[in-house]
Amino acid sequence: MMKKLLLCYFIGMIAACSNDTDAHIIPKDSMQAIMWDMMKADEVFIRKLVADSNAAKNKEDVKLYETVFRIHKINKDRFFESYRYYEAHPILLKEIIDSIDSKSNRERIERYSGKRNKP
């Protein structure tokens, strides 16, 4: 009886420690791209806010976020569920944030060195 109990315990521990992520969680590379686009949407909103003080009242920031979600074919619930998942896994979140920071630095260097690719 004790052996069966221990076997069940170890199987439970192995299952609990498995690295399988929910299929509903946005993959790291996609999450990085979405968060990057959301930061760009924030920049657009701040520029609009300076030019038009009614932008906040019109919820322009929410509209921009919804556009980002539409582009990436997700909804806000899935984004926030994934974001909470990454918050609960700080090493993964740090990897996402570090990749965004690196991308920002590369873009800044390209912008000021005149080597930026034209769309």
PDB file of N, CA and C in Angstrom:
ATOM      1  N   MET A   1       0.826  -1.195   0.000  1.00  0.00           N
ATOM      2  CA  MET A   1       0.000   0.000   0.000  1.00  0.00           C
ATOM      3  C   MET A   1       0.870   1.258   0.000  1.00  0.00           C
ATOM      4  N   MET A   2       1.918   1.238   0.804  1.00  0.00           N
ATOM      5  CA  MET A   2       2.805   2.389   0.907  1.00  0.00           C
ATOM      6  C   MET A   2       3.521   2.637  -0.426  1.00  0.00           C
ATOM      7  N   LYS A   3       3.906   1.573  -1.102  1.00  0.00           N
ATOM      8  CA  LYS A   3       4.578   1.720  -2.396  1.00  0.00           C
ATOM      9  C   LYS A   3       3.654   2.370  -3.418  1.00  0.00           C
ATOM     10  N   LYS A   4       2.387   1.979  -3.413  1.00  0.00           N
ATOM     11  CA  LYS A   4       1.430   2.576  -4.341  1.00  0.00           C
ATOM     12  C   LYS A   4       1.224   4.050  -4.038  1.00  0.00           C
ATOM     13  N   LEU A   5       1.179   4.381  -2.764  1.00  0.00           N
ATOM     14  CA  LEU A   5       1.006   5.775  -2.357  1.00  0.00           C
ATOM     15  C   LEU A   5       2.205   6.615  -2.790  1.00  0.00           C
ATOM     16  N   LEU A   6       3.408   6.080  -2.569  1.00  0.00           N
ATOM     17  CA  LEU A   6       4.613   6.792  -2.995  1.00  0.00           C
ATOM     18  C   LEU A   6       4.668   6.929  -4.512  1.00  0.00           C
ATOM     19  N   LEU A   7       4.286   5.883  -5.217  1.00  0.00           N
ATOM     20  CA  LEU A   7       4.268   5.937  -6.676  1.00  0.00           C
ATOM     21  C   LEU A   7       3.309   7.026  -7.160  1.00  0.00           C
ATOM     22  N   CYS A   8       2.125   7.083  -6.578  1.00  0.00           N
ATOM     23  CA  CYS A   8       1.150   8.129  -6.939  1.00  0.00           C
ATOM     24  C   CYS A   8       1.693   9.515  -6.626  1.00  0.00           C
ATOM     25  N   TYR A   9       2.377   9.642  -5.496  1.00  0.00           N
ATOM     26  CA  TYR A   9       2.954  10.927  -5.103  1.00  0.00           C
ATOM     27  C   TYR A   9       3.995  11.379  -6.130  1.00  0.00           C
ATOM     28  N   PHE A  10       4.900  10.484  -6.509  1.00  0.00           N
ATOM     29  CA  PHE A  10       5.945  10.852  -7.462  1.00  0.00           C
ATOM     30  C   PHE A  10       5.383  11.142  -8.851  1.00  0.00           C
ATOM     31  N   ILE A  11       4.392  10.398  -9.260  1.00  0.00           N
ATOM     32  CA  ILE A  11       3.747  10.683 -10.549  1.00  0.00           C
ATOM     33  C   ILE A  11       3.092  12.057 -10.505  1.00  0.00           C
ATOM     34  N   GLY A  12       2.452  12.362  -9.389  1.00  0.00           N
ATOM     35  CA  GLY A  12       1.840  13.690  -9.224  1.00  0.00           C
ATOM     36  C   GLY A  12       2.874  14.797  -9.253  1.00  0.00           C
ATOM     37  N   MET A  13       4.013  14.571  -8.606  1.00  0.00           N
ATOM     38  CA  MET A  13       5.078  15.577  -8.600  1.00  0.00           C
ATOM     39  C   MET A  13       5.638  15.791 -10.005  1.00  0.00           C
ATOM     40  N   ILE A  14       5.840  14.722 -10.724  1.00  0.00           N
ATOM     41  CA  ILE A  14       6.365  14.832 -12.087  1.00  0.00           C
ATOM     42  C   ILE A  14       5.375  15.575 -12.977  1.00  0.00           C
ATOM     43  N   ALA A  15       4.106  15.262 -12.833  1.00  0.00           N
ATOM     44  CA  ALA A  15       3.080  15.945 -13.634  1.00  0.00           C
ATOM     45  C   ALA A  15       3.000  17.415 -13.266  1.00  0.00           C
ATOM     46  N   ALA A  16       3.141  17.726 -11.990  1.00  0.00           N
ATOM     47  CA  ALA A  16       3.062  19.120 -11.547  1.00  0.00           C
ATOM     48  C   ALA A  16       4.264  19.916 -12.014  1.00  0.00           C
ATOM     49  N   CYS A  17       5.391  19.269 -12.144  1.00  0.00           N
ATOM     50  CA  CYS A  17       6.611  19.971 -12.532  1.00  0.00           C
ATOM     51  C   CYS A  17       6.853  19.944 -14.036  1.00  0.00           C
ATOM     52  N   SER A  18       5.937  19.409 -14.788  1.00  0.00           N
ATOM     53  CA  SER A  18       6.150  19.347 -16.232  1.00  0.00           C
ATOM     54  C   SER A  18       6.186  20.746 -16.809  1.00  0.00           C
ATOM     55  N   ASN A  19       6.860  20.885 -17.904  1.00  0.00           N
ATOM     56  CA  ASN A  19       7.074  22.190 -18.513  1.00  0.00           C
ATOM     57  C   ASN A  19       6.071  22.465 -19.624  1.00  0.00           C
ATOM     58  N   ASP A  20       4.993  21.699 -19.681  1.00  0.00           N
ATOM     59  CA  ASP A  20       3.984  21.913 -20.712  1.00  0.00           C
ATOM     60  C   ASP A  20       3.233  23.201 -20.425  1.00  0.00           C
ATOM     61  N   THR A  21       3.181  24.063 -21.405  1.00  0.00           N
ATOM     62  CA  THR A  21       2.410  25.289 -21.234  1.00  0.00           C
ATOM     63  C   THR A  21       1.054  25.099 -21.877  1.00  0.00           C
ATOM     64  N   ASP A  22       0.123  25.823 -21.364  1.00  0.00           N
ATOM     65  CA  ASP A  22      -1.227  25.765 -21.904  1.00  0.00           C
ATOM     66  C   ASP A  22      -1.189  26.228 -23.360  1.00  0.00           C
ATOM     67  N   ALA A  23      -1.930  25.568 -24.193  1.00  0.00           N
ATOM     68  CA  ALA A  23      -1.967  25.932 -25.612  1.00  0.00           C
ATOM     69  C   ALA A  23      -2.529  27.332 -25.812  1.00  0.00           C
ATOM     70  N   HIS A  24      -3.236  27.821 -24.815  1.00  0.00           N
ATOM     71  CA  HIS A  24      -3.839  29.147 -24.904  1.00  0.00           C
ATOM     72  C   HIS A  24      -2.829  30.265 -24.609  1.00  0.00           C
ATOM     73  N   ILE A  25      -1.688  29.903 -24.014  1.00  0.00           N
ATOM     74  CA  ILE A  25      -0.662  30.893 -23.690  1.00  0.00           C
ATOM     75  C   ILE A  25       0.066  31.288 -24.973  1.00  0.00           C
ATOM     76  N   ILE A  26       0.223  32.586 -25.164  1.00  0.00           N
ATOM     77  CA  ILE A  26       0.911  33.108 -26.348  1.00  0.00           C
ATOM     78  C   ILE A  26       2.398  32.759 -26.241  1.00  0.00           C
ATOM     79  N   PRO A  27       3.002  32.198 -27.293  1.00  0.00           N
ATOM     80  CA  PRO A  27       4.434  31.864 -27.265  1.00  0.00           C
ATOM     81  C   PRO A  27       5.295  33.108 -27.041  1.00  0.00           C
ATOM     82  N   LYS A  28       6.501  32.869 -26.511  1.00  0.00           N
ATOM     83  CA  LYS A  28       7.388  33.978 -26.149  1.00  0.00           C
ATOM     84  C   LYS A  28       7.657  34.925 -27.308  1.00  0.00           C
ATOM     85  N   ASP A  29       7.987  34.395 -28.479  1.00  0.00           N
ATOM     86  CA  ASP A  29       8.332  35.269 -29.600  1.00  0.00           C
ATOM     87  C   ASP A  29       7.135  36.111 -30.034  1.00  0.00           C
ATOM     88  N   SER A  30       5.948  35.528 -30.005  1.00  0.00           N
ATOM     89  CA  SER A  30       4.740  36.289 -30.354  1.00  0.00           C
ATOM     90  C   SER A  30       4.430  37.324 -29.282  1.00  0.00           C
ATOM     91  N   MET A  31       4.618  36.943 -28.025  1.00  0.00           N
ATOM     92  CA  MET A  31       4.361  37.872 -26.916  1.00  0.00           C
ATOM     93  C   MET A  31       5.308  39.064 -27.011  1.00  0.00           C
ATOM     94  N   GLN A  32       6.544  38.797 -27.383  1.00  0.00           N
ATOM     95  CA  GLN A  32       7.517  39.880 -27.545  1.00  0.00           C
ATOM     96  C   GLN A  32       7.064  40.841 -28.636  1.00  0.00           C
ATOM     97  N   ALA A  33       6.601  40.311 -29.752  1.00  0.00           N
ATOM     98  CA  ALA A  33       6.140  41.160 -30.859  1.00  0.00           C
ATOM     99  C   ALA A  33       4.902  41.960 -30.460  1.00  0.00           C
ATOM    100  N   ILE A  34       3.993  41.336 -29.729  1.00  0.00           N
ATOM    101  CA  ILE A  34       2.773  42.030 -29.294  1.00  0.00           C
ATOM    102  C   ILE A  34       3.123  43.144 -28.323  1.00  0.00           C
ATOM    103  N   MET A  35       3.986  42.843 -27.352  1.00  0.00           N
ATOM    104  CA  MET A  35       4.361  43.874 -26.374  1.00  0.00           C
ATOM    105  C   MET A  35       5.118  45.018 -27.051  1.00  0.00           C
ATOM    106  N   TRP A  36       5.928  44.698 -28.055  1.00  0.00           N
ATOM    107  CA  TRP A  36       6.639  45.730 -28.818  1.00  0.00           C
ATOM    108  C   TRP A  36       5.637  46.652 -29.514  1.00  0.00           C
ATOM    109  N   ASP A  37       4.655  46.046 -30.166  1.00  0.00           N
ATOM    110  CA  ASP A  37       3.640  46.840 -30.862  1.00  0.00           C
ATOM    111  C   ASP A  37       2.808  47.666 -29.880  1.00  0.00           C
ATOM    112  N   MET A  38       2.568  47.132 -28.691  1.00  0.00           N
ATOM    113  CA  MET A  38       1.819  47.894 -27.688  1.00  0.00           C
ATOM    114  C   MET A  38       2.624  49.098 -27.203  1.00  0.00           C
ATOM    115  N   MET A  39       3.935  48.922 -27.082  1.00  0.00           N
ATOM    116  CA  MET A  39       4.781  50.058 -26.706  1.00  0.00           C
ATOM    117  C   MET A  39       4.752  51.122 -27.798  1.00  0.00           C
ATOM    118  N   LYS A  40       4.783  50.692 -29.046  1.00  0.00           N
ATOM    119  CA  LYS A  40       4.693  51.645 -30.157  1.00  0.00           C
ATOM    120  C   LYS A  40       3.332  52.344 -30.151  1.00  0.00           C
ATOM    121  N   ALA A  41       2.271  51.603 -29.818  1.00  0.00           N
ATOM    122  CA  ALA A  41       0.934  52.202 -29.720  1.00  0.00           C
ATOM    123  C   ALA A  41       0.910  53.252 -28.610  1.00  0.00           C
ATOM    124  N   ASP A  42       1.602  52.981 -27.513  1.00  0.00           N
ATOM    125  CA  ASP A  42       1.700  53.968 -26.432  1.00  0.00           C
ATOM    126  C   ASP A  42       2.389  55.242 -26.913  1.00  0.00           C
ATOM    127  N   GLU A  43       3.441  55.082 -27.710  1.00  0.00           N
ATOM    128  CA  GLU A  43       4.139  56.253 -28.246  1.00  0.00           C
ATOM    129  C   GLU A  43       3.206  57.085 -29.120  1.00  0.00           C
ATOM    130  N   VAL A  44       2.439  56.419 -29.965  1.00  0.00           N
ATOM    131  CA  VAL A  44       1.476  57.122 -30.826  1.00  0.00           C
ATOM    132  C   VAL A  44       0.455  57.847 -29.969  1.00  0.00           C
ATOM    133  N   PHE A  45      -0.043  57.177 -28.932  1.00  0.00           N
ATOM    134  CA  PHE A  45      -1.045  57.783 -28.054  1.00  0.00           C
ATOM    135  C   PHE A  45      -0.488  59.017 -27.354  1.00  0.00           C
ATOM    136  N   ILE A  46       0.732  58.944 -26.861  1.00  0.00           N
ATOM    137  CA  ILE A  46       1.330  60.090 -26.168  1.00  0.00           C
ATOM    138  C   ILE A  46       1.462  61.266 -27.122  1.00  0.00           C
ATOM    139  N   ARG A  47       1.854  60.997 -28.364  1.00  0.00           N
ATOM    140  CA  ARG A  47       1.950  62.083 -29.350  1.00  0.00           C
ATOM    141  C   ARG A  47       0.576  62.680 -29.638  1.00  0.00           C
ATOM    142  N   LYS A  48      -0.448  61.833 -29.721  1.00  0.00           N
ATOM    143  CA  LYS A  48      -1.811  62.335 -29.935  1.00  0.00           C
ATOM    144  C   LYS A  48      -2.279  63.152 -28.745  1.00  0.00           C
ATOM    145  N   LEU A  49      -1.928  62.695 -27.555  1.00  0.00           N
ATOM    146  CA  LEU A  49      -2.357  63.369 -26.334  1.00  0.00           C
ATOM    147  C   LEU A  49      -1.777  64.772 -26.248  1.00  0.00           C
ATOM    148  N   VAL A  50      -0.541  64.929 -26.692  1.00  0.00           N
ATOM    149  CA  VAL A  50       0.089  66.251 -26.700  1.00  0.00           C
ATOM    150  C   VAL A  50      -0.644  67.167 -27.669  1.00  0.00           C
ATOM    151  N   ALA A  51      -1.031  66.636 -28.812  1.00  0.00           N
ATOM    152  CA  ALA A  51      -1.704  67.439 -29.835  1.00  0.00           C
ATOM    153  C   ALA A  51      -3.190  67.624 -29.551  1.00  0.00           C
ATOM    154  N   ASP A  52      -3.813  66.649 -28.896  1.00  0.00           N
ATOM    155  CA  ASP A  52      -5.262  66.684 -28.685  1.00  0.00           C
ATOM    156  C   ASP A  52      -5.572  66.176 -27.285  1.00  0.00           C
ATOM    157  N   SER A  53      -5.947  67.087 -26.399  1.00  0.00           N
ATOM    158  CA  SER A  53      -6.212  66.701 -25.011  1.00  0.00           C
ATOM    159  C   SER A  53      -7.462  65.830 -24.879  1.00  0.00           C
ATOM    160  N   ASN A  54      -8.283  65.757 -25.908  1.00  0.00           N
ATOM    161  CA  ASN A  54      -9.475  64.905 -25.869  1.00  0.00           C
ATOM    162  C   ASN A  54      -9.157  63.440 -26.178  1.00  0.00           C
ATOM    163  N   ALA A  55      -7.927  63.155 -26.543  1.00  0.00           N
ATOM    164  CA  ALA A  55      -7.561  61.781 -26.902  1.00  0.00           C
ATOM    165  C   ALA A  55      -7.802  60.821 -25.737  1.00  0.00           C
ATOM    166  N   ALA A  56      -7.506  61.269 -24.516  1.00  0.00           N
ATOM    167  CA  ALA A  56      -7.725  60.404 -23.348  1.00  0.00           C
ATOM    168  C   ALA A  56      -9.208  60.156 -23.133  1.00  0.00           C
ATOM    169  N   LYS A  57     -10.010  61.202 -23.314  1.00  0.00           N
ATOM    170  CA  LYS A  57     -11.460  61.055 -23.141  1.00  0.00           C
ATOM    171  C   LYS A  57     -12.044  60.120 -24.196  1.00  0.00           C
ATOM    172  N   ASN A  58     -11.482  60.154 -25.382  1.00  0.00           N
ATOM    173  CA  ASN A  58     -11.972  59.317 -26.484  1.00  0.00           C
ATOM    174  C   ASN A  58     -11.417  57.896 -26.424  1.00  0.00           C
ATOM    175  N   LYS A  59     -10.625  57.625 -25.396  1.00  0.00           N
ATOM    176  CA  LYS A  59     -10.025  56.296 -25.187  1.00  0.00           C
ATOM    177  C   LYS A  59      -9.224  55.834 -26.398  1.00  0.00           C
ATOM    178  N   GLU A  60      -8.438  56.761 -26.928  1.00  0.00           N
ATOM    179  CA  GLU A  60      -7.609  56.439 -28.095  1.00  0.00           C
ATOM    180  C   GLU A  60      -6.607  55.332 -27.781  1.00  0.00           C
ATOM    181  N   ASP A  61      -6.110  55.298 -26.538  1.00  0.00           N
ATOM    182  CA  ASP A  61      -5.149  54.260 -26.176  1.00  0.00           C
ATOM    183  C   ASP A  61      -5.779  52.868 -26.247  1.00  0.00           C
ATOM    184  N   VAL A  62      -7.016  52.756 -25.789  1.00  0.00           N
ATOM    185  CA  VAL A  62      -7.723  51.473 -25.848  1.00  0.00           C
ATOM    186  C   VAL A  62      -7.942  51.057 -27.299  1.00  0.00           C
ATOM    187  N   LYS A  63      -8.284  52.020 -28.143  1.00  0.00           N
ATOM    188  CA  LYS A  63      -8.491  51.720 -29.566  1.00  0.00           C
ATOM    189  C   LYS A  63      -7.195  51.228 -30.213  1.00  0.00           C
ATOM    190  N   LEU A  64      -6.084  51.841 -29.832  1.00  0.00           N
ATOM    191  CA  LEU A  64      -4.795  51.420 -30.384  1.00  0.00           C
ATOM    192  C   LEU A  64      -4.436  50.008 -29.922  1.00  0.00           C
ATOM    193  N   TYR A  65      -4.682  49.708 -28.645  1.00  0.00           N
ATOM    194  CA  TYR A  65      -4.424  48.356 -28.143  1.00  0.00           C
ATOM    195  C   TYR A  65      -5.297  47.335 -28.866  1.00  0.00           C
ATOM    196  N   GLU A  66      -6.552  47.681 -29.080  1.00  0.00           N
ATOM    197  CA  GLU A  66      -7.452  46.768 -29.795  1.00  0.00           C
ATOM    198  C   GLU A  66      -6.956  46.515 -31.217  1.00  0.00           C
ATOM    199  N   THR A  67      -6.380  47.544 -31.832  1.00  0.00           N
ATOM    200  CA  THR A  67      -5.803  47.385 -33.167  1.00  0.00           C
ATOM    201  C   THR A  67      -4.627  46.406 -33.126  1.00  0.00           C
ATOM    202  N   VAL A  68      -3.780  46.538 -32.115  1.00  0.00           N
ATOM    203  CA  VAL A  68      -2.648  45.615 -31.962  1.00  0.00           C
ATOM    204  C   VAL A  68      -3.159  44.186 -31.792  1.00  0.00           C
ATOM    205  N   PHE A  69      -4.175  44.012 -30.960  1.00  0.00           N
ATOM    206  CA  PHE A  69      -4.730  42.670 -30.750  1.00  0.00           C
ATOM    207  C   PHE A  69      -5.297  42.110 -32.051  1.00  0.00           C
ATOM    208  N   ARG A  70      -5.957  42.958 -32.817  1.00  0.00           N
ATOM    209  CA  ARG A  70      -6.543  42.520 -34.095  1.00  0.00           C
ATOM    210  C   ARG A  70      -5.440  42.108 -35.079  1.00  0.00           C
ATOM    211  N   ILE A  71      -4.384  42.892 -35.136  1.00  0.00           N
ATOM    212  CA  ILE A  71      -3.264  42.587 -36.035  1.00  0.00           C
ATOM    213  C   ILE A  71      -2.660  41.221 -35.699  1.00  0.00           C
ATOM    214  N   HIS A  72      -2.539  40.950 -34.410  1.00  0.00           N
ATOM    215  CA  HIS A  72      -1.918  39.694 -33.971  1.00  0.00           C
ATOM    216  C   HIS A  72      -2.929  38.559 -33.800  1.00  0.00           C
ATOM    217  N   LYS A  73      -4.184  38.847 -34.146  1.00  0.00           N
ATOM    218  CA  LYS A  73      -5.260  37.842 -34.114  1.00  0.00           C
ATOM    219  C   LYS A  73      -5.435  37.208 -32.733  1.00  0.00           C
ATOM    220  N   ILE A  74      -5.465  38.074 -31.717  1.00  0.00           N
ATOM    221  CA  ILE A  74      -5.746  37.632 -30.352  1.00  0.00           C
ATOM    222  C   ILE A  74      -6.796  38.565 -29.767  1.00  0.00           C
ATOM    223  N   ASN A  75      -7.255  38.253 -28.566  1.00  0.00           N
ATOM    224  CA  ASN A  75      -8.138  39.180 -27.865  1.00  0.00           C
ATOM    225  C   ASN A  75      -7.470  39.589 -26.558  1.00  0.00           C
ATOM    226  N   LYS A  76      -8.040  40.593 -25.904  1.00  0.00           N
ATOM    227  CA  LYS A  76      -7.383  41.114 -24.701  1.00  0.00           C
ATOM    228  C   LYS A  76      -7.356  40.079 -23.588  1.00  0.00           C
ATOM    229  N   ASP A  77      -8.374  39.222 -23.510  1.00  0.00           N
ATOM    230  CA  ASP A  77      -8.393  38.194 -22.466  1.00  0.00           C
ATOM    231  C   ASP A  77      -7.222  37.226 -22.627  1.00  0.00           C
ATOM    232  N   ARG A  78      -6.974  36.820 -23.863  1.00  0.00           N
ATOM    233  CA  ARG A  78      -5.853  35.902 -24.103  1.00  0.00           C
ATOM    234  C   ARG A  78      -4.525  36.591 -23.805  1.00  0.00           C
ATOM    235  N   PHE A  79      -4.413  37.866 -24.179  1.00  0.00           N
ATOM    236  CA  PHE A  79      -3.181  38.599 -23.898  1.00  0.00           C
ATOM    237  C   PHE A  79      -2.933  38.667 -22.398  1.00  0.00           C
ATOM    238  N   PHE A  80      -3.950  39.083 -21.634  1.00  0.00           N
ATOM    239  CA  PHE A  80      -3.753  39.250 -20.195  1.00  0.00           C
ATOM    240  C   PHE A  80      -3.571  37.906 -19.484  1.00  0.00           C
ATOM    241  N   GLU A  81      -4.211  36.859 -19.976  1.00  0.00           N
ATOM    242  CA  GLU A  81      -3.984  35.522 -19.409  1.00  0.00           C
ATOM    243  C   GLU A  81      -2.523  35.123 -19.629  1.00  0.00           C
ATOM    244  N   SER A  82      -2.022  35.381 -20.823  1.00  0.00           N
ATOM    245  CA  SER A  82      -0.629  35.066 -21.131  1.00  0.00           C
ATOM    246  C   SER A  82       0.314  35.946 -20.324  1.00  0.00           C
ATOM    247  N   TYR A  83      -0.038  37.218 -20.201  1.00  0.00           N
ATOM    248  CA  TYR A  83       0.813  38.131 -19.435  1.00  0.00           C
ATOM    249  C   TYR A  83       0.900  37.676 -17.981  1.00  0.00           C
ATOM    250  N   ARG A  84      -0.225  37.274 -17.390  1.00  0.00           N
ATOM    251  CA  ARG A  84      -0.213  36.770 -16.004  1.00  0.00           C
ATOM    252  C   ARG A  84       0.633  35.497 -15.905  1.00  0.00           C
ATOM    253  N   TYR A  85       0.563  34.654 -16.931  1.00  0.00           N
ATOM    254  CA  TYR A  85       1.403  33.450 -16.952  1.00  0.00           C
ATOM    255  C   TYR A  85       2.880  33.848 -16.907  1.00  0.00           C
ATOM    256  N   TYR A  86       3.264  34.799 -17.746  1.00  0.00           N
ATOM    257  CA  TYR A  86       4.666  35.215 -17.777  1.00  0.00           C
ATOM    258  C   TYR A  86       5.065  35.937 -16.491  1.00  0.00           C
ATOM    259  N   GLU A  87       4.147  36.653 -15.871  1.00  0.00           N
ATOM    260  CA  GLU A  87       4.445  37.262 -14.569  1.00  0.00           C
ATOM    261  C   GLU A  87       4.718  36.182 -13.523  1.00  0.00           C
ATOM    262  N   ALA A  88       4.003  35.076 -13.614  1.00  0.00           N
ATOM    263  CA  ALA A  88       4.205  33.966 -12.680  1.00  0.00           C
ATOM    264  C   ALA A  88       5.489  33.195 -12.989  1.00  0.00           C
ATOM    265  N   HIS A  89       6.064  33.425 -14.161  1.00  0.00           N
ATOM    266  CA  HIS A  89       7.324  32.796 -14.575  1.00  0.00           C
ATOM    267  C   HIS A  89       8.312  33.916 -14.921  1.00  0.00           C
ATOM    268  N   PRO A  90       8.896  34.549 -13.887  1.00  0.00           N
ATOM    269  CA  PRO A  90       9.708  35.754 -14.110  1.00  0.00           C
ATOM    270  C   PRO A  90      10.912  35.567 -15.024  1.00  0.00           C
ATOM    271  N   ILE A  91      11.467  34.382 -15.080  1.00  0.00           N
ATOM    272  CA  ILE A  91      12.612  34.167 -15.976  1.00  0.00           C
ATOM    273  C   ILE A  91      12.169  34.306 -17.428  1.00  0.00           C
ATOM    274  N   LEU A  92      11.008  33.739 -17.761  1.00  0.00           N
ATOM    275  CA  LEU A  92      10.487  33.868 -19.125  1.00  0.00           C
ATOM    276  C   LEU A  92      10.133  35.319 -19.439  1.00  0.00           C
ATOM    277  N   LEU A  93       9.522  36.011 -18.468  1.00  0.00           N
ATOM    278  CA  LEU A  93       9.165  37.420 -18.677  1.00  0.00           C
ATOM    279  C   LEU A  93      10.418  38.263 -18.876  1.00  0.00           C
ATOM    280  N   LYS A  94      11.464  37.968 -18.101  1.00  0.00           N
ATOM    281  CA  LYS A  94      12.718  38.709 -18.255  1.00  0.00           C
ATOM    282  C   LYS A  94      13.298  38.508 -19.654  1.00  0.00           C
ATOM    283  N   GLU A  95      13.206  37.289 -20.177  1.00  0.00           N
ATOM    284  CA  GLU A  95      13.698  37.028 -21.534  1.00  0.00           C
ATOM    285  C   GLU A  95      12.930  37.862 -22.559  1.00  0.00           C
ATOM    286  N   ILE A  96      11.625  37.976 -22.384  1.00  0.00           N
ATOM    287  CA  ILE A  96      10.805  38.780 -23.299  1.00  0.00           C
ATOM    288  C   ILE A  96      11.204  40.242 -23.204  1.00  0.00           C
ATOM    289  N   ILE A  97      11.304  40.745 -21.979  1.00  0.00           N
ATOM    290  CA  ILE A  97      11.635  42.158 -21.782  1.00  0.00           C
ATOM    291  C   ILE A  97      13.041  42.455 -22.283  1.00  0.00           C
ATOM    292  N   ASP A  98      13.980  41.549 -22.033  1.00  0.00           N
ATOM    293  CA  ASP A  98      15.340  41.747 -22.536  1.00  0.00           C
ATOM    294  C   ASP A  98      15.371  41.787 -24.062  1.00  0.00           C
ATOM    295  N   SER A  99      14.576  40.946 -24.718  1.00  0.00           N
ATOM    296  CA  SER A  99      14.559  40.954 -26.185  1.00  0.00           C
ATOM    297  C   SER A  99      13.942  42.252 -26.712  1.00  0.00           C
ATOM    298  N   ILE A 100      12.937  42.765 -26.009  1.00  0.00           N
ATOM    299  CA  ILE A 100      12.338  44.047 -26.399  1.00  0.00           C
ATOM    300  C   ILE A 100      13.357  45.164 -26.220  1.00  0.00           C
ATOM    301  N   ASP A 101      14.091  45.124 -25.114  1.00  0.00           N
ATOM    302  CA  ASP A 101      15.111  46.140 -24.852  1.00  0.00           C
ATOM    303  C   ASP A 101      16.206  46.094 -25.918  1.00  0.00           C
ATOM    304  N   SER A 102      16.627  44.899 -26.290  1.00  0.00           N
ATOM    305  CA  SER A 102      17.646  44.758 -27.340  1.00  0.00           C
ATOM    306  C   SER A 102      17.142  45.301 -28.669  1.00  0.00           C
ATOM    307  N   LYS A 103      15.904  44.994 -28.985  1.00  0.00           N
ATOM    308  CA  LYS A 103      15.311  45.489 -30.237  1.00  0.00           C
ATOM    309  C   LYS A 103      15.238  47.012 -30.225  1.00  0.00           C
ATOM    310  N   SER A 104      14.880  47.570 -29.086  1.00  0.00           N
ATOM    311  CA  SER A 104      14.810  49.026 -28.957  1.00  0.00           C
ATOM    312  C   SER A 104      16.190  49.654 -29.144  1.00  0.00           C
ATOM    313  N   ASN A 105      17.193  49.049 -28.534  1.00  0.00           N
ATOM    314  CA  ASN A 105      18.554  49.563 -28.680  1.00  0.00           C
ATOM    315  C   ASN A 105      19.032  49.471 -30.125  1.00  0.00           C
ATOM    316  N   ARG A 106      18.741  48.349 -30.795  1.00  0.00           N
ATOM    317  CA  ARG A 106      19.131  48.218 -32.211  1.00  0.00           C
ATOM    318  C   ARG A 106      18.444  49.277 -33.063  1.00  0.00           C
ATOM    319  N   GLU A 107      17.157  49.503 -32.793  1.00  0.00           N
ATOM    320  CA  GLU A 107      16.418  50.506 -33.563  1.00  0.00           C
ATOM    321  C   GLU A 107      16.991  51.905 -33.331  1.00  0.00           C
ATOM    322  N   ARG A 108      17.330  52.194 -32.084  1.00  0.00           N
ATOM    323  CA  ARG A 108      17.897  53.502 -31.751  1.00  0.00           C
ATOM    324  C   ARG A 108      19.238  53.697 -32.457  1.00  0.00           C
ATOM    325  N   ILE A 109      20.074  52.670 -32.443  1.00  0.00           N
ATOM    326  CA  ILE A 109      21.381  52.752 -33.106  1.00  0.00           C
ATOM    327  C   ILE A 109      21.203  52.954 -34.606  1.00  0.00           C
ATOM    328  N   GLU A 110      20.283  52.197 -35.212  1.00  0.00           N
ATOM    329  CA  GLU A 110      20.027  52.345 -36.648  1.00  0.00           C
ATOM    330  C   GLU A 110      19.514  53.740 -36.976  1.00  0.00           C
ATOM    331  N   ARG A 111      18.643  54.257 -36.119  1.00  0.00           N
ATOM    332  CA  ARG A 111      18.059  55.574 -36.369  1.00  0.00           C
ATOM    333  C   ARG A 111      19.133  56.659 -36.360  1.00  0.00           C
ATOM    334  N   TYR A 112      20.036  56.580 -35.389  1.00  0.00           N
ATOM    335  CA  TYR A 112      21.030  57.638 -35.263  1.00  0.00           C
ATOM    336  C   TYR A 112      22.267  57.420 -36.120  1.00  0.00           C
ATOM    337  N   SER A 113      22.447  56.223 -36.633  1.00  0.00           N
ATOM    338  CA  SER A 113      23.592  55.994 -37.511  1.00  0.00           C
ATOM    339  C   SER A 113      23.210  56.173 -38.976  1.00  0.00           C
ATOM    340  N   GLY A 114      21.917  56.357 -39.243  1.00  0.00           N
ATOM    341  CA  GLY A 114      21.457  56.563 -40.609  1.00  0.00           C
ATOM    342  C   GLY A 114      21.359  55.287 -41.415  1.00  0.00           C
ATOM    343  N   LYS A 115      21.417  54.135 -40.754  1.00  0.00           N
ATOM    344  CA  LYS A 115      21.387  52.856 -41.463  1.00  0.00           C
ATOM    345  C   LYS A 115      20.026  52.194 -41.405  1.00  0.00           C
ATOM    346  N   ARG A 116      19.039  52.901 -41.052  1.00  0.00           N
ATOM    347  CA  ARG A 116      17.704  52.311 -40.909  1.00  0.00           C
ATOM    348  C   ARG A 116      17.161  51.895 -42.269  1.00  0.00           C
ATOM    349  N   ASN A 117      16.618  50.697 -42.325  1.00  0.00           N
ATOM    350  CA  ASN A 117      16.009  50.203 -43.560  1.00  0.00           C
ATOM    351  C   ASN A 117      14.718  50.944 -43.812  1.00  0.00           C
ATOM    352  N   LYS A 118      14.510  51.295 -45.057  1.00  0.00           N
ATOM    353  CA  LYS A 118      13.270  51.978 -45.418  1.00  0.00           C
ATOM    354  C   LYS A 118      12.225  50.949 -45.792  1.00  0.00           C
ATOM    355  N   PRO A 119      10.981  51.142 -45.304  1.00  0.00           N
ATOM    356  CA  PRO A 119       9.920  50.166 -45.613  1.00  0.00           C
ATOM    357  C   PRO A 119       9.535  50.132 -47.055  1.00  0.00           C
TER     358      PRO A 119
END
